[in-house]
C-alpha atoms as a PDB file:
ATOM      1  CA  MET A   1       6.928  -3.388   6.655  1.00  0.00           C
ATOM      2  CA  SER A   2      10.265  -1.575   6.586  1.00  0.00           C
ATOM      3  CA  VAL A   3      13.096  -2.555   4.269  1.00  0.00           C
ATOM      4  CA  PRO A   4      16.673  -3.005   5.528  1.00  0.00           C
ATOM      5  CA  SER A   5      18.728   0.048   4.718  1.00  0.00           C
ATOM      6  CA  SER A   6      21.389  -2.095   3.028  1.00  0.00           C
ATOM      7  CA  VAL A   7      19.078  -2.613   0.038  1.00  0.00           C
ATOM      8  CA  LEU A   8      17.660   0.883  -0.204  1.00  0.00           C
ATOM      9  CA  VAL A   9      19.350   1.861  -3.427  1.00  0.00           C
ATOM     10  CA  PRO A  10      19.915   3.799  -5.589  1.00  0.00           C
ATOM     11  CA  TYR A  11      21.339   6.813  -3.787  1.00  0.00           C
ATOM     12  CA  ALA A  12      19.053   9.193  -5.630  1.00  0.00           C
ATOM     13  CA  ALA A  13      17.152  12.368  -4.822  1.00  0.00           C
ATOM     14  CA  TYR A  14      13.838  13.323  -6.413  1.00  0.00           C
ATOM     15  CA  LEU A  15      12.027  16.454  -7.533  1.00  0.00           C
ATOM     16  CA  ARG A  16       8.286  15.770  -7.661  1.00  0.00           C
ATOM     17  CA  VAL A  17       5.162  17.660  -8.684  1.00  0.00           C
ATOM     18  CA  TYR A  18       1.812  16.863  -7.071  1.00  0.00           C
ATOM     19  CA  GLU A  19      -1.178  18.137  -9.052  1.00  0.00           C
ATOM     20  CA  PRO A  20      -4.803  18.636  -7.956  1.00  0.00           C
ATOM     21  CA  LEU A  21      -7.374  16.274  -9.411  1.00  0.00           C
ATOM     22  CA  ALA A  22      -8.705  19.145 -11.539  1.00  0.00           C
ATOM     23  CA  ALA A  23      -5.494  19.018 -13.584  1.00  0.00           C
ATOM     24  CA  PHE A  24      -6.403  15.600 -15.007  1.00  0.00           C
ATOM     25  CA  ALA A  25      -8.943  14.849 -17.703  1.00  0.00           C
ATOM     26  CA  GLU A  26     -11.384  11.982 -17.415  1.00  0.00           C
ATOM     27  CA  PRO A  27     -11.137   9.040 -17.101  1.00  0.00           C
ATOM     28  CA  GLU A  28      -7.768   9.572 -15.405  1.00  0.00           C
ATOM     29  CA  ARG A  29      -9.264  12.064 -12.939  1.00  0.00           C
ATOM     30  CA  GLY A  30     -11.725   9.471 -11.726  1.00  0.00           C
ATOM     31  CA  HIS A  31      -8.961   6.895 -11.360  1.00  0.00           C
ATOM     32  CA  TRP A  32      -6.885   9.191  -9.161  1.00  0.00           C
ATOM     33  CA  ALA A  33      -9.911  10.257  -7.120  1.00  0.00           C
ATOM     34  CA  ARG A  34     -10.629   6.611  -6.286  1.00  0.00           C
ATOM     35  CA  TYR A  35      -6.941   5.887  -5.788  1.00  0.00           C
ATOM     36  CA  ALA A  36      -6.549   8.718  -3.267  1.00  0.00           C
ATOM     37  CA  CYS A  37      -9.280   7.159  -1.116  1.00  0.00           C
ATOM     38  CA  ARG A  38      -7.291   3.966  -0.587  1.00  0.00           C
ATOM     39  CA  PRO A  39      -6.528   3.423   3.103  1.00  0.00           C
ATOM     40  CA  ASP A  40      -2.866   2.520   2.595  1.00  0.00           C
ATOM     41  CA  PRO A  41      -1.460   3.832  -0.718  1.00  0.00           C
ATOM     42  CA  PRO A  42       2.062   2.681  -1.661  1.00  0.00           C
ATOM     43  CA  GLY A  43       4.949   4.892  -0.631  1.00  0.00           C
ATOM     44  CA  VAL A  44       8.460   5.709  -1.756  1.00  0.00           C
ATOM     45  CA  GLN A  45       9.951   2.407  -0.622  1.00  0.00           C
ATOM     46  CA  ASP A  46       7.220   0.456  -2.412  1.00  0.00           C
ATOM     47  CA  GLU A  47       8.074   2.168  -5.681  1.00  0.00           C
ATOM     48  CA  LEU A  48      11.763   1.454  -5.133  1.00  0.00           C
ATOM     49  CA  ARG A  49      11.165  -2.236  -4.351  1.00  0.00           C
ATOM     50  CA  ARG A  50       9.134  -2.678  -7.532  1.00  0.00           C
ATOM     51  CA  SER A  51      11.815  -0.983  -9.632  1.00  0.00           C
ATOM     52  CA  LEU A  52      14.577  -3.134  -8.160  1.00  0.00           C
ATOM     53  CA  ALA A  53      12.558  -6.318  -8.707  1.00  0.00           C
ATOM     54  CA  ASP A  54      12.616  -5.668 -12.464  1.00  0.00           C
ATOM     55  CA  LEU A  55      16.425  -5.725 -12.430  1.00  0.00           C
ATOM     56  CA  VAL A  56      16.621  -9.239 -10.960  1.00  0.00           C
ATOM     57  CA  PRO A  57      15.574 -11.282 -14.044  1.00  0.00           C
ATOM     58  CA  VAL A  58      18.110 -12.262 -16.696  1.00  0.00           C
ATOM     59  CA  PRO A  59      18.080 -10.348 -18.936  1.00  0.00           C
ATOM     60  CA  PRO A  60      16.924  -7.425 -16.770  1.00  0.00           C
ATOM     61  CA  VAL A  61      13.747  -5.445 -17.462  1.00  0.00           C
ATOM     62  CA  PRO A  62      14.938  -1.818 -17.577  1.00  0.00           C
ATOM     63  CA  VAL A  63      11.505  -0.487 -18.575  1.00  0.00           C
ATOM     64  CA  PRO A  64       8.204  -1.994 -17.360  1.00  0.00           C
ATOM     65  CA  VAL A  65       5.996  -3.542 -20.022  1.00  0.00           C
ATOM     66  CA  HIS A  66       2.996  -1.593 -18.738  1.00  0.00           C
ATOM     67  CA  GLU A  67       2.742   1.901 -17.286  1.00  0.00           C
ATOM     68  CA  SER A  68       2.225   2.160 -13.538  1.00  0.00           C
ATOM     69  CA  ALA A  69      -1.244   3.071 -12.282  1.00  0.00           C
ATOM     70  CA  ASP A  70       0.186   4.213  -8.932  1.00  0.00           C
ATOM     71  CA  ALA A  71       0.950   7.654  -7.557  1.00  0.00           C
ATOM     72  CA  PHE A  72       2.130   9.461  -4.453  1.00  0.00           C
ATOM     73  CA  VAL A  73      -0.706  11.248  -2.682  1.00  0.00           C
ATOM     74  CA  ALA A  74      -0.659  14.418  -0.567  1.00  0.00           C
ATOM     75  CA  GLU A  75      -3.335  16.646   0.915  1.00  0.00           C
ATOM     76  CA  VAL A  76      -2.828  20.385   1.414  1.00  0.00           C
ATOM     77  CA  ASP A  77      -5.550  22.576   2.926  1.00  0.00           C
ATOM     78  CA  GLY A  78      -8.134  19.938   2.148  1.00  0.00           C
ATOM     79  CA  VAL A  79      -7.106  19.617  -1.500  1.00  0.00           C
ATOM     80  CA  VAL A  80      -6.041  16.163  -2.696  1.00  0.00           C
ATOM     81  CA  LEU A  81      -2.909  16.184  -4.843  1.00  0.00           C
ATOM     82  CA  VAL A  82      -1.358  13.295  -6.758  1.00  0.00           C
ATOM     83  CA  CYS A  83       2.056  12.679  -8.279  1.00  0.00           C
ATOM     84  CA  PRO A  84       1.786   9.829 -10.829  1.00  0.00           C
ATOM     85  CA  TRP A  85       4.760   7.494 -10.810  1.00  0.00           C
ATOM     86  CA  ARG A  86       4.855   7.047 -14.598  1.00  0.00           C
ATOM     87  CA  THR A  87       7.509   4.392 -14.019  1.00  0.00           C
ATOM     88  CA  ARG A  88       7.631   3.262 -17.634  1.00  0.00           C
ATOM     89  CA  LEU A  89       8.244   6.744 -19.013  1.00  0.00           C
ATOM     90  CA  ARG A  90      10.874   7.464 -16.364  1.00  0.00           C
ATOM     91  CA  GLY A  91      12.536   4.150 -17.149  1.00  0.00           C
ATOM     92  CA  TRP A  92      12.939   5.127 -20.790  1.00  0.00           C
ATOM     93  CA  LEU A  93      14.309   8.535 -19.850  1.00  0.00           C
ATOM     94  CA  ALA A  94      16.717   7.060 -17.284  1.00  0.00           C
ATOM     95  CA  MET A  95      17.990   4.509 -19.777  1.00  0.00           C
ATOM     96  CA  GLY A  96      18.693   7.278 -22.267  1.00  0.00           C
ATOM     97  CA  GLU A  97      20.742   9.134 -19.654  1.00  0.00           C
ATOM     98  CA  LEU A  98      22.623   5.952 -18.752  1.00  0.00           C
ATOM     99  CA  VAL A  99      23.495   5.161 -22.357  1.00  0.00           C
ATOM    100  CA  GLY A 100      24.743   8.709 -22.869  1.00  0.00           C
ATOM    101  CA  GLY A 101      26.642   8.748 -19.576  1.00  0.00           C
ATOM    102  CA  THR A 102      30.168   7.903 -18.497  1.00  0.00           C
ATOM    103  CA  LEU A 103      29.900   4.129 -18.012  1.00  0.00           C
ATOM    104  CA  PRO A 104      32.464   2.140 -20.053  1.00  0.00           C
ATOM    105  CA  ALA A 105      30.842   0.184 -22.857  1.00  0.00           C
ATOM    106  CA  PRO A 106      31.672  -3.271 -21.379  1.00  0.00           C
ATOM    107  CA  VAL A 107      30.062  -2.313 -18.070  1.00  0.00           C
ATOM    108  CA  LEU A 108      26.976  -0.917 -19.781  1.00  0.00           C
ATOM    109  CA  ASP A 109      26.646  -4.029 -21.959  1.00  0.00           C
ATOM    110  CA  ALA A 110      26.887  -6.258 -18.882  1.00  0.00           C
ATOM    111  CA  MET A 111      24.189  -4.263 -17.087  1.00  0.00           C
ATOM    112  CA  LEU A 112      21.914  -3.789 -20.074  1.00  0.00           C
ATOM    113  CA  PRO A 113      22.723  -5.995 -23.081  1.00  0.00           C
ATOM    114  CA  PRO A 114      22.515  -4.203 -26.443  1.00  0.00           C
ATOM    115  CA  VAL A 115      19.497  -6.252 -27.521  1.00  0.00           C
ATOM    116  CA  VAL A 116      17.613  -5.160 -24.384  1.00  0.00           C
ATOM    117  CA  ARG A 117      18.487  -1.502 -24.983  1.00  0.00           C
ATOM    118  CA  ALA A 118      17.512  -1.699 -28.655  1.00  0.00           C
ATOM    119  CA  GLN A 119      14.103  -3.162 -27.843  1.00  0.00           C
ATOM    120  CA  ALA A 120      13.432  -0.566 -25.132  1.00  0.00           C
ATOM    121  CA  THR A 121      14.462   2.258 -27.465  1.00  0.00           C
ATOM    122  CA  ALA A 122      12.175   1.002 -30.225  1.00  0.00           C
ATOM    123  CA  ASP A 123       9.271   0.718 -27.774  1.00  0.00           C
ATOM    124  CA  HIS A 124       9.907   4.286 -26.584  1.00  0.00           C
ATOM    125  CA  GLU A 125       9.956   5.692 -30.098  1.00  0.00           C
ATOM    126  CA  ARG A 126       6.640   4.022 -30.966  1.00  0.00           C
ATOM    127  CA  TRP A 127       5.110   5.273 -27.700  1.00  0.00           C
ATOM    128  CA  LEU A 128       6.283   8.859 -28.357  1.00  0.00           C
ATOM    129  CA  GLU A 129       4.480   8.886 -31.671  1.00  0.00           C
ATOM    130  CA  ARG A 130       1.215   8.430 -29.763  1.00  0.00           C
ATOM    131  CA  ASN A 131       2.188  10.613 -26.782  1.00  0.00           C
ATOM    132  CA  PRO A 132       4.342  13.491 -28.084  1.00  0.00           C
ATOM    133  CA  ASP A 133       3.551  15.830 -25.166  1.00  0.00           C
ATOM    134  CA  ALA A 134       4.180  13.370 -22.333  1.00  0.00           C
ATOM    135  CA  ARG A 135       6.316  14.478 -19.400  1.00  0.00           C
ATOM    136  CA  PRO A 136       7.195  12.895 -16.048  1.00  0.00           C
ATOM    137  CA  TRP A 137       5.937  14.195 -12.724  1.00  0.00           C
ATOM    138  CA  ILE A 138       9.186  13.053 -11.097  1.00  0.00           C
ATOM    139  CA  ARG A 139      12.808  13.887 -11.825  1.00  0.00           C
ATOM    140  CA  GLY A 140      15.745  12.075 -10.273  1.00  0.00           C
ATOM    141  CA  ALA A 141      19.414  12.811  -9.628  1.00  0.00           C
ATOM    142  CA  VAL A 142      21.934  10.197  -8.481  1.00  0.00           C
ATOM    143  CA  TRP A 143      24.506  10.959  -5.753  1.00  0.00           C
ATOM    144  CA  ARG A 144      23.585  14.649  -5.685  1.00  0.00           C
ATOM    145  CA  VAL A 145      20.862  17.253  -5.521  1.00  0.00           C
ATOM    146  CA  PRO A 146      21.261  19.853  -8.315  1.00  0.00           C
ATOM    147  CA  ALA A 147      21.686  23.398  -7.020  1.00  0.00           C
ATOM    148  CA  ALA A 148      18.860  24.571  -9.288  1.00  0.00           C
ATOM    149  CA  TRP A 149      16.431  22.365  -7.376  1.00  0.00           C
ATOM    150  CA  PHE A 150      17.238  24.119  -4.110  1.00  0.00           C
ATOM    151  CA  ALA A 151      16.533  27.492  -5.722  1.00  0.00           C
ATOM    152  CA  LEU A 152      12.820  26.564  -5.654  1.00  0.00           C
ATOM    153  CA  PHE A 153      12.645  26.368  -1.853  1.00  0.00           C
ATOM    154  CA  SER A 154      13.385  28.294   1.317  1.00  0.00           C
ATOM    155  CA  ASP A 155      15.090  27.000   4.437  1.00  0.00           C
ATOM    156  CA  GLU A 156      11.811  27.457   6.353  1.00  0.00           C
ATOM    157  CA  GLU A 157      10.226  24.749   4.168  1.00  0.00           C
ATOM    158  CA  ARG A 158      12.821  22.169   5.196  1.00  0.00           C
ATOM    159  CA  GLU A 159      11.383  19.054   6.886  1.00  0.00           C
ATOM    160  CA  TYR A 160      13.784  16.678   8.628  1.00  0.00           C
ATOM    161  CA  GLU A 161      12.618  13.541  10.431  1.00  0.00           C
ATOM    162  CA  PRO A 162      15.615  11.574  11.809  1.00  0.00           C
ATOM    163  CA  GLY A 163      13.658   8.334  12.103  1.00  0.00           C
ATOM    164  CA  GLY A 164      11.166   8.562   9.266  1.00  0.00           C
ATOM    165  CA  GLY A 165       8.575  10.292  11.421  1.00  0.00           C
ATOM    166  CA  GLY A 166       9.173   8.208  14.504  1.00  0.00           C
ATOM    167  CA  ALA A 167       8.267   4.793  13.082  1.00  0.00           C
ATOM    168  CA  ALA A 168      10.607   2.077  14.304  1.00  0.00           C
ATOM    169  CA  GLY A 169      13.041   0.940  11.628  1.00  0.00           C
ATOM    170  CA  GLU A 170      12.007   3.608   9.132  1.00  0.00           C
ATOM    171  CA  PRO A 171      14.751   5.577   7.347  1.00  0.00           C
ATOM    172  CA  PRO A 172      15.256   9.321   7.879  1.00  0.00           C
ATOM    173  CA  VAL A 173      13.337  11.782   5.737  1.00  0.00           C
ATOM    174  CA  LEU A 174      14.701  15.104   4.509  1.00  0.00           C
ATOM    175  CA  ARG A 175      12.531  17.059   2.125  1.00  0.00           C
ATOM    176  CA  TYR A 176      11.221  20.471   1.085  1.00  0.00           C
ATOM    177  CA  ARG A 177       7.702  21.296  -0.120  1.00  0.00           C
ATOM    178  CA  THR A 178       6.393  24.538  -1.596  1.00  0.00           C
ATOM    179  CA  PRO A 179       3.411  25.733  -3.680  1.00  0.00           C
ATOM    180  CA  MET A 180       4.027  25.820  -7.427  1.00  0.00           C
ATOM    181  CA  VAL A 181       3.486  29.593  -7.593  1.00  0.00           C
ATOM    182  CA  GLN A 182       6.230  30.113  -5.008  1.00  0.00           C
ATOM    183  CA  ALA A 183       8.619  27.742  -6.767  1.00  0.00           C
ATOM    184  CA  ARG A 184       8.158  29.568 -10.080  1.00  0.00           C
ATOM    185  CA  ARG A 185       8.621  32.957  -8.411  1.00  0.00           C
ATOM    186  CA  ARG A 186      11.875  31.929  -6.724  1.00  0.00           C
ATOM    187  CA  LEU A 187      13.194  30.352  -9.901  1.00  0.00           C
ATOM    188  CA  ALA A 188      12.508  33.531 -11.876  1.00  0.00           C
ATOM    189  CA  ARG A 189      14.309  35.664  -9.273  1.00  0.00           C
ATOM    190  CA  ALA A 190      17.291  33.306  -9.235  1.00  0.00           C
ATOM    191  CA  LEU A 191      17.515  33.287 -13.026  1.00  0.00           C
ATOM    192  CA  LYS A 192      17.360  37.092 -13.173  1.00  0.00           C
ATOM    193  CA  ALA A 193      20.102  37.454 -10.545  1.00  0.00           C
ATOM    194  CA  LEU A 194      22.384  34.997 -12.333  1.00  0.00           C
ATOM    195  CA  ARG A 195      21.929  36.560 -15.751  1.00  0.00           C
ATOM    196  CA  GLU A 196      22.615  40.043 -14.406  1.00  0.00           C
ATOM    197  CA  ALA A 197      25.704  38.989 -12.461  1.00  0.00           C
ATOM    198  CA  ILE A 198      27.462  36.371 -14.565  1.00  0.00           C
ATOM    199  CA  ALA A 199      27.502  34.927 -18.069  1.00  0.00           C
ATOM    200  CA  GLU A 200      25.326  32.020 -19.093  1.00  0.00           C
ATOM    201  CA  GLY A 201      26.523  28.776 -17.554  1.00  0.00           C
ATOM    202  CA  PRO A 202      25.482  25.353 -16.216  1.00  0.00           C
ATOM    203  CA  MET A 203      23.460  26.796 -13.330  1.00  0.00           C
ATOM    204  CA  THR A 204      21.531  29.109 -15.660  1.00  0.00           C
ATOM    205  CA  GLU A 205      20.886  26.284 -18.108  1.00  0.00           C
ATOM    206  CA  SER A 206      19.678  24.050 -15.284  1.00  0.00           C
ATOM    207  CA  LEU A 207      17.294  26.727 -13.994  1.00  0.00           C
ATOM    208  CA  VAL A 208      15.866  27.252 -17.494  1.00  0.00           C
ATOM    209  CA  ASP A 209      15.372  23.501 -17.904  1.00  0.00           C
ATOM    210  CA  VAL A 210      13.600  23.136 -14.546  1.00  0.00           C
ATOM    211  CA  GLY A 211      11.502  26.232 -15.274  1.00  0.00           C
ATOM    212  CA  ARG A 212      10.265  24.827 -18.575  1.00  0.00           C
ATOM    213  CA  TRP A 213       9.344  21.593 -16.837  1.00  0.00           C
ATOM    214  CA  LEU A 214       7.408  23.363 -14.075  1.00  0.00           C
ATOM    215  CA  GLU A 215       5.421  25.354 -16.641  1.00  0.00           C
ATOM    216  CA  GLU A 216       3.832  22.077 -17.773  1.00  0.00           C
ATOM    217  CA  PHE A 217       1.896  21.713 -14.512  1.00  0.00           C
ATOM    218  CA  HIS A 218      -1.175  23.160 -12.809  1.00  0.00           C
ATOM    219  CA  PRO A 219      -0.554  26.484 -11.002  1.00  0.00           C
ATOM    220  CA  ARG A 220      -2.009  25.043  -7.774  1.00  0.00           C
ATOM    221  CA  ALA A 221       0.389  22.106  -7.767  1.00  0.00           C
ATOM    222  CA  LEU A 222       2.825  21.275  -4.979  1.00  0.00           C
ATOM    223  CA  VAL A 223       6.571  20.931  -5.618  1.00  0.00           C
ATOM    224  CA  GLU A 224       8.625  18.564  -3.475  1.00  0.00           C
ATOM    225  CA  LEU A 225      12.357  17.941  -3.191  1.00  0.00           C
ATOM    226  CA  ASP A 226      13.042  14.607  -1.475  1.00  0.00           C
ATOM    227  CA  TYR A 227      16.565  13.476  -0.527  1.00  0.00           C
ATOM    228  CA  GLY A 228      15.342   9.923  -1.138  1.00  0.00           C
ATOM    229  CA  GLY A 229      18.108   7.336  -0.881  1.00  0.00           C
ATOM    230  CA  LEU A 230      20.763   9.959  -0.197  1.00  0.00           C
ATOM    231  CA  VAL A 231      19.772   9.855   3.479  1.00  0.00           C
ATOM    232  CA  HIS A 232      21.556   6.477   3.639  1.00  0.00           C
ATOM    233  CA  ALA A 233      24.800   7.947   2.330  1.00  0.00           C
ATOM    234  CA  LEU A 234      25.035  10.649   5.002  1.00  0.00           C
ATOM    235  CA  PRO A 235      25.460  10.404   8.779  1.00  0.00           C
ATOM    236  CA  ALA A 236      22.694  11.803  10.951  1.00  0.00           C
ATOM    237  CA  GLU A 237      24.752  14.816  12.010  1.00  0.00           C
ATOM    238  CA  ALA A 238      25.391  15.760   8.374  1.00  0.00           C
ATOM    239  CA  LEU A 239      21.690  15.526   7.535  1.00  0.00           C
ATOM    240  CA  ASP A 240      20.770  17.579  10.579  1.00  0.00           C
ATOM    241  CA  ALA A 241      23.288  20.291   9.654  1.00  0.00           C
ATOM    242  CA  ASP A 242      22.424  20.350   5.934  1.00  0.00           C
ATOM    243  CA  ARG A 243      21.098  23.786   4.977  1.00  0.00           C
ATOM    244  CA  SER A 244      21.637  23.594   1.231  1.00  0.00           C
ATOM    245  CA  ALA A 245      18.548  25.620   0.311  1.00  0.00           C
ATOM    246  CA  ALA A 246      19.700  28.389   2.657  1.00  0.00           C
ATOM    247  CA  ASP A 247      23.174  28.376   1.061  1.00  0.00           C
ATOM    248  CA  VAL A 248      21.730  28.624  -2.461  1.00  0.00           C
ATOM    249  CA  ALA A 249      19.365  31.407  -1.393  1.00  0.00           C
ATOM    250  CA  ALA A 250      22.234  33.282   0.296  1.00  0.00           C
ATOM    251  CA  GLY A 251      24.347  33.008  -2.834  1.00  0.00           C
ATOM    252  CA  ILE A 252      21.547  34.332  -5.041  1.00  0.00           C
ATOM    253  CA  GLU A 253      20.858  37.243  -2.679  1.00  0.00           C
ATOM    254  CA  ALA A 254      24.567  38.076  -2.607  1.00  0.00           C
ATOM    255  CA  LEU A 255      24.655  38.140  -6.413  1.00  0.00           C
ATOM    256  CA  ARG A 256      21.628  40.431  -6.466  1.00  0.00           C
ATOM    257  CA  ALA A 257      23.374  42.781  -4.025  1.00  0.00           C
ATOM    258  CA  GLY A 258      26.634  42.759  -5.996  1.00  0.00           C
ATOM    259  CA  ASP A 259      28.440  40.960  -3.166  1.00  0.00           C
ATOM    260  CA  GLY A 260      30.838  38.702  -5.068  1.00  0.00           C
ATOM    261  CA  PRO A 261      32.738  37.389  -2.012  1.00  0.00           C
ATOM    262  CA  GLY A 262      29.475  36.620  -0.243  1.00  0.00           C
ATOM    263  CA  ALA A 263      28.192  34.685  -3.251  1.00  0.00           C
ATOM    264  CA  GLN A 264      31.450  32.738  -3.477  1.00  0.00           C
ATOM    265  CA  ALA A 265      31.331  31.879   0.234  1.00  0.00           C
ATOM    266  CA  ALA A 266      27.766  30.566  -0.025  1.00  0.00           C
ATOM    267  CA  TYR A 267      28.567  28.548  -3.123  1.00  0.00           C
ATOM    268  CA  GLY A 268      31.720  27.212  -1.459  1.00  0.00           C
ATOM    269  CA  ARG A 269      29.701  25.829   1.465  1.00  0.00           C
ATOM    270  CA  PHE A 270      27.233  24.220  -0.912  1.00  0.00           C
ATOM    271  CA  ALA A 271      29.890  22.793  -3.248  1.00  0.00           C
ATOM    272  CA  GLU A 272      32.013  21.343  -0.446  1.00  0.00           C
ATOM    273  CA  ARG A 273      29.027  19.567   1.093  1.00  0.00           C
ATOM    274  CA  TRP A 274      27.930  17.948  -2.150  1.00  0.00           C
ATOM    275  CA  LYS A 275      31.449  17.150  -3.326  1.00  0.00           C
ATOM    276  CA  ALA A 276      31.808  14.977  -0.235  1.00  0.00           C
ATOM    277  CA  VAL A 277      28.562  13.179  -1.076  1.00  0.00           C
ATOM    278  CA  HIS A 278      29.429  12.670  -4.741  1.00  0.00           C
ATOM    279  CA  ASN A 279      32.854  11.251  -3.836  1.00  0.00           C
ATOM    280  CA  LEU A 280      31.133   8.427  -1.964  1.00  0.00           C
ATOM    281  CA  GLN A 281      30.055   7.068  -5.351  1.00  0.00           C
ATOM    282  CA  PHE A 282      33.636   5.990  -6.023  1.00  0.00           C
ATOM    283  CA  ALA A 283      34.530   4.853  -2.500  1.00  0.00           C
ATOM    284  CA  ASN A 284      35.169   1.191  -1.704  1.00  0.00           C
END
């Protein structure tokens, strides 16, 4: 059943990694093998509904008590791939970003009372002692898609479905998918071009961070960039015309060729598009 678009929040995009079953040790491998055979596995909107439901109680539940046993499932060339939700881990990480963000203290305290944050932080610290190497399969970004994410993909890998694949009432889908080996190769080329052309900066740091994260996964994994809830912040014509991966690729190629004006033009197109999206965060 579809969900009304008015409640499809937050306006977040996601970078996901789907790994083959061989990447998981038993008994988790067996769990995902059985899970992938389910006739109707939960999707993106199911995950979002469950996350929002935890924010309804008073006080809210920012981090689930138990880790999710769900995942997104994909199949490529006959190989089953899974992307575990790891909702509890992502909740801890998201809360840390929120606490260290720009929200005024009174607003933060109203959303997440200090006692709730303190308990969640203590739970996270105890969990990390037992799971020091844990990492999420999903990264999120609110009201934007980081430029470094687009560097992993080509415009030819862009998939746009105006009506969610034709299903009545389903939201649009805009995403990119690429093999892990291709994502790592493109990231390395982008990082080399940036370091040779300009000094270290936010884009370089972001590429290094994403690269370290990708190295944690199986080489036969699939990498996906999903516009997620951002499709509800943009009109259909803007989504249809969005060629952000092409702009990032053009800017990197221009840097490699020593074409400063060309790189600036490509970045200008990208920056103007996403500035307009980010400004919606503060609109009435």
